[in-house]
């Protein structure tokens, strides 16, 4: 029989994933019909790639019926196309968001503004009254030696 560990085990991997998927604000998007993202497979479009990694699983978990298409294209150094997200709402309108140079939290906020409805405005007012941001702000630029070193 194996010995009992003397340390208290931390949270399981599943509980950490579930906590991430259900964190506030929960991205319930009642007006959204479909999303289509296009970005570079590697070496560019970092905000869009982080959005797909961090926020898209939360959106899928909260809205299982939304049609989500992610198109990762190969991009050479000579090509200069920009990442984009096409948002189709249930009323039939489509919006094209340019994702170039944006942080993943900014992309998330723009998507919420387009399709979340009145509860998102209420959430933002509550957070502003508490003195907090609706979504985490992007990090401040580094200064001094940290800005120069890789």
Protein backbone atom coordinates (compact mmCIF):
# COMPACT_ATOMS: atom_id res chain seq x y z
CA UNK A 1 0.00 0.00 0.00
CA UNK A 2 1.50 3.41 -0.98
CA UNK A 3 2.37 5.93 1.68
CA UNK A 4 0.16 8.95 2.20
CA UNK A 5 1.76 12.19 1.03
CA UNK A 6 2.66 14.65 3.79
CA UNK A 7 1.55 17.64 1.74
CA UNK A 8 -1.94 18.78 0.94
CA UNK A 9 -2.61 18.27 -2.76
CA UNK A 10 -3.48 21.37 -4.75
CA UNK A 11 -6.52 21.79 -6.93
CA UNK A 12 -6.99 19.23 -9.66
CA UNK A 13 -6.36 20.16 -13.28
CA UNK A 14 -10.06 19.79 -14.06
CA UNK A 15 -11.12 22.16 -11.29
CA UNK A 16 -8.62 24.78 -12.53
CA UNK A 17 -9.98 24.51 -16.08
CA UNK A 18 -13.57 24.73 -14.87
CA UNK A 19 -12.76 27.78 -12.75
CA UNK A 20 -11.26 29.48 -15.82
CA UNK A 21 -14.28 28.63 -18.00
CA UNK A 22 -16.78 29.99 -15.48
CA UNK A 23 -14.93 33.10 -14.30
CA UNK A 24 -16.70 36.44 -14.33
CA UNK A 25 -17.79 38.06 -16.57
CA UNK A 26 -19.34 34.96 -18.09
CA UNK A 27 -19.55 35.66 -21.85
CA UNK A 28 -23.21 34.82 -22.50
CA UNK A 29 -23.89 36.24 -25.96
CA UNK A 30 -27.61 35.92 -26.76
CA UNK A 31 -27.41 38.04 -29.94
CA UNK A 32 -24.49 36.17 -31.53
CA UNK A 33 -25.01 33.68 -34.37
CA UNK A 34 -21.46 32.98 -35.57
CA UNK A 35 -17.82 34.01 -35.32
CA UNK A 36 -15.12 33.61 -37.95
CA UNK A 37 -11.52 34.40 -37.06
CA UNK A 38 -8.63 34.58 -39.50
CA UNK A 39 -5.06 35.04 -38.30
CA UNK A 40 -1.49 33.92 -38.97
CA UNK A 41 -0.48 30.41 -37.97
CA UNK A 42 2.73 31.67 -36.33
CA UNK A 43 5.09 34.62 -35.85
CA UNK A 44 2.43 37.35 -36.04
CA UNK A 45 -1.04 38.38 -34.84
CA UNK A 46 -0.31 37.73 -31.17
CA UNK A 47 -3.47 39.36 -29.78
CA UNK A 48 -5.71 37.21 -31.99
CA UNK A 49 -3.81 34.05 -31.05
CA UNK A 50 -4.10 34.82 -27.33
CA UNK A 51 -7.82 35.59 -27.77
CA UNK A 52 -8.35 32.14 -29.31
CA UNK A 53 -6.37 30.49 -26.52
CA UNK A 54 -7.75 32.44 -23.54
CA UNK A 55 -11.22 33.74 -24.36
CA UNK A 56 -12.67 31.53 -27.10
CA UNK A 57 -12.98 28.43 -24.85
CA UNK A 58 -14.96 30.55 -22.35
CA UNK A 59 -17.24 31.81 -25.14
CA UNK A 60 -17.78 28.25 -26.43
CA UNK A 61 -18.53 26.95 -22.91
CA UNK A 62 -21.12 29.67 -22.24
CA UNK A 63 -22.65 29.51 -25.76
CA UNK A 64 -22.52 25.95 -27.13
CA UNK A 65 -24.82 26.69 -30.09
CA UNK A 66 -22.70 29.44 -31.66
CA UNK A 67 -20.94 28.51 -34.91
CA UNK A 68 -17.23 29.33 -34.43
CA UNK A 69 -14.71 29.00 -37.27
CA UNK A 70 -11.00 29.65 -36.74
CA UNK A 71 -8.83 29.88 -39.85
CA UNK A 72 -5.08 29.81 -39.17
CA UNK A 73 -3.28 30.75 -42.37
CA UNK A 74 0.36 30.49 -43.20
CA UNK A 75 1.88 33.96 -43.57
CA UNK A 76 5.27 34.74 -45.03
CA UNK A 77 7.35 37.79 -44.10
CA UNK A 78 6.52 39.44 -47.42
CA UNK A 79 2.75 39.25 -46.91
CA UNK A 80 1.07 42.09 -45.04
CA UNK A 81 -2.53 41.01 -44.40
CA UNK A 82 -4.14 41.75 -41.05
CA UNK A 83 -6.07 39.44 -38.71
CA UNK A 84 -9.82 39.86 -38.63
CA UNK A 85 -12.94 38.58 -36.93
CA UNK A 86 -16.31 38.50 -38.68
CA UNK A 87 -19.19 38.63 -36.21
CA UNK A 88 -22.65 37.62 -37.43
CA UNK A 89 -25.58 38.51 -35.22
CA UNK A 90 -28.94 36.74 -35.06
CA UNK A 91 -30.70 39.70 -36.70
CA UNK A 92 -28.60 39.10 -39.85
CA UNK A 93 -26.09 41.95 -39.56
CA UNK A 94 -22.38 41.25 -39.83
CA UNK A 95 -19.50 43.23 -38.37
CA UNK A 96 -15.86 42.96 -39.37
CA UNK A 97 -13.38 43.63 -36.57
CA UNK A 98 -9.73 44.25 -37.33
CA UNK A 99 -7.59 42.52 -34.69
CA UNK A 100 -4.21 43.94 -35.69
CA UNK A 101 -2.20 45.25 -32.76
CA UNK A 102 -4.94 44.63 -30.18
CA UNK A 103 -4.66 42.78 -26.88
CA UNK A 104 -6.89 39.75 -26.34
CA UNK A 105 -8.80 41.61 -23.59
CA UNK A 106 -9.52 44.47 -26.01
CA UNK A 107 -10.84 42.01 -28.60
CA UNK A 108 -13.01 40.40 -25.92
CA UNK A 109 -14.41 43.79 -24.88
CA UNK A 110 -15.22 44.74 -28.48
CA UNK A 111 -17.02 41.44 -29.03
CA UNK A 112 -19.01 41.92 -25.82
CA UNK A 113 -19.97 45.46 -26.88
CA UNK A 114 -21.34 44.12 -30.17
CA UNK A 115 -23.25 41.08 -29.03
CA UNK A 116 -23.67 40.78 -25.26
CA UNK A 117 -26.73 42.96 -24.81
CA UNK A 118 -27.78 45.07 -21.82
CA UNK A 119 -26.27 42.85 -19.14
CA UNK A 120 -22.74 43.78 -20.34
CA UNK A 121 -23.46 47.49 -19.88
CA UNK A 122 -24.77 46.73 -16.39
CA UNK A 123 -21.64 44.68 -15.60
CA UNK A 124 -19.39 47.53 -16.76
CA UNK A 125 -21.27 50.07 -14.60
CA UNK A 126 -21.02 47.79 -11.55
CA UNK A 127 -17.28 47.33 -12.08
CA UNK A 128 -16.76 51.06 -12.63
CA UNK A 129 -18.67 51.82 -9.41
CA UNK A 130 -16.38 49.38 -7.59
CA UNK A 131 -13.34 51.14 -9.10
CA UNK A 132 -12.31 48.18 -11.28
CA UNK A 133 -12.05 47.50 -15.02
CA UNK A 134 -14.67 45.37 -16.80
CA UNK A 135 -11.83 43.30 -18.25
CA UNK A 136 -8.21 43.28 -17.13
CA UNK A 137 -6.28 46.20 -18.61
CA UNK A 138 -3.32 45.48 -20.89
CA UNK A 139 0.04 45.48 -19.11
CA UNK A 140 1.99 48.70 -18.92
CA UNK A 141 5.00 49.02 -21.23
CA UNK A 142 8.31 48.14 -19.66
CA UNK A 143 10.79 50.88 -18.88
CA UNK A 144 14.49 50.99 -18.15
CA UNK A 145 16.62 47.89 -18.61
CA UNK A 146 13.56 45.63 -18.81
CA UNK A 147 12.48 47.38 -22.01
CA UNK A 148 15.84 46.80 -23.68
CA UNK A 149 16.57 43.23 -22.63
CA UNK A 150 14.85 40.31 -24.41
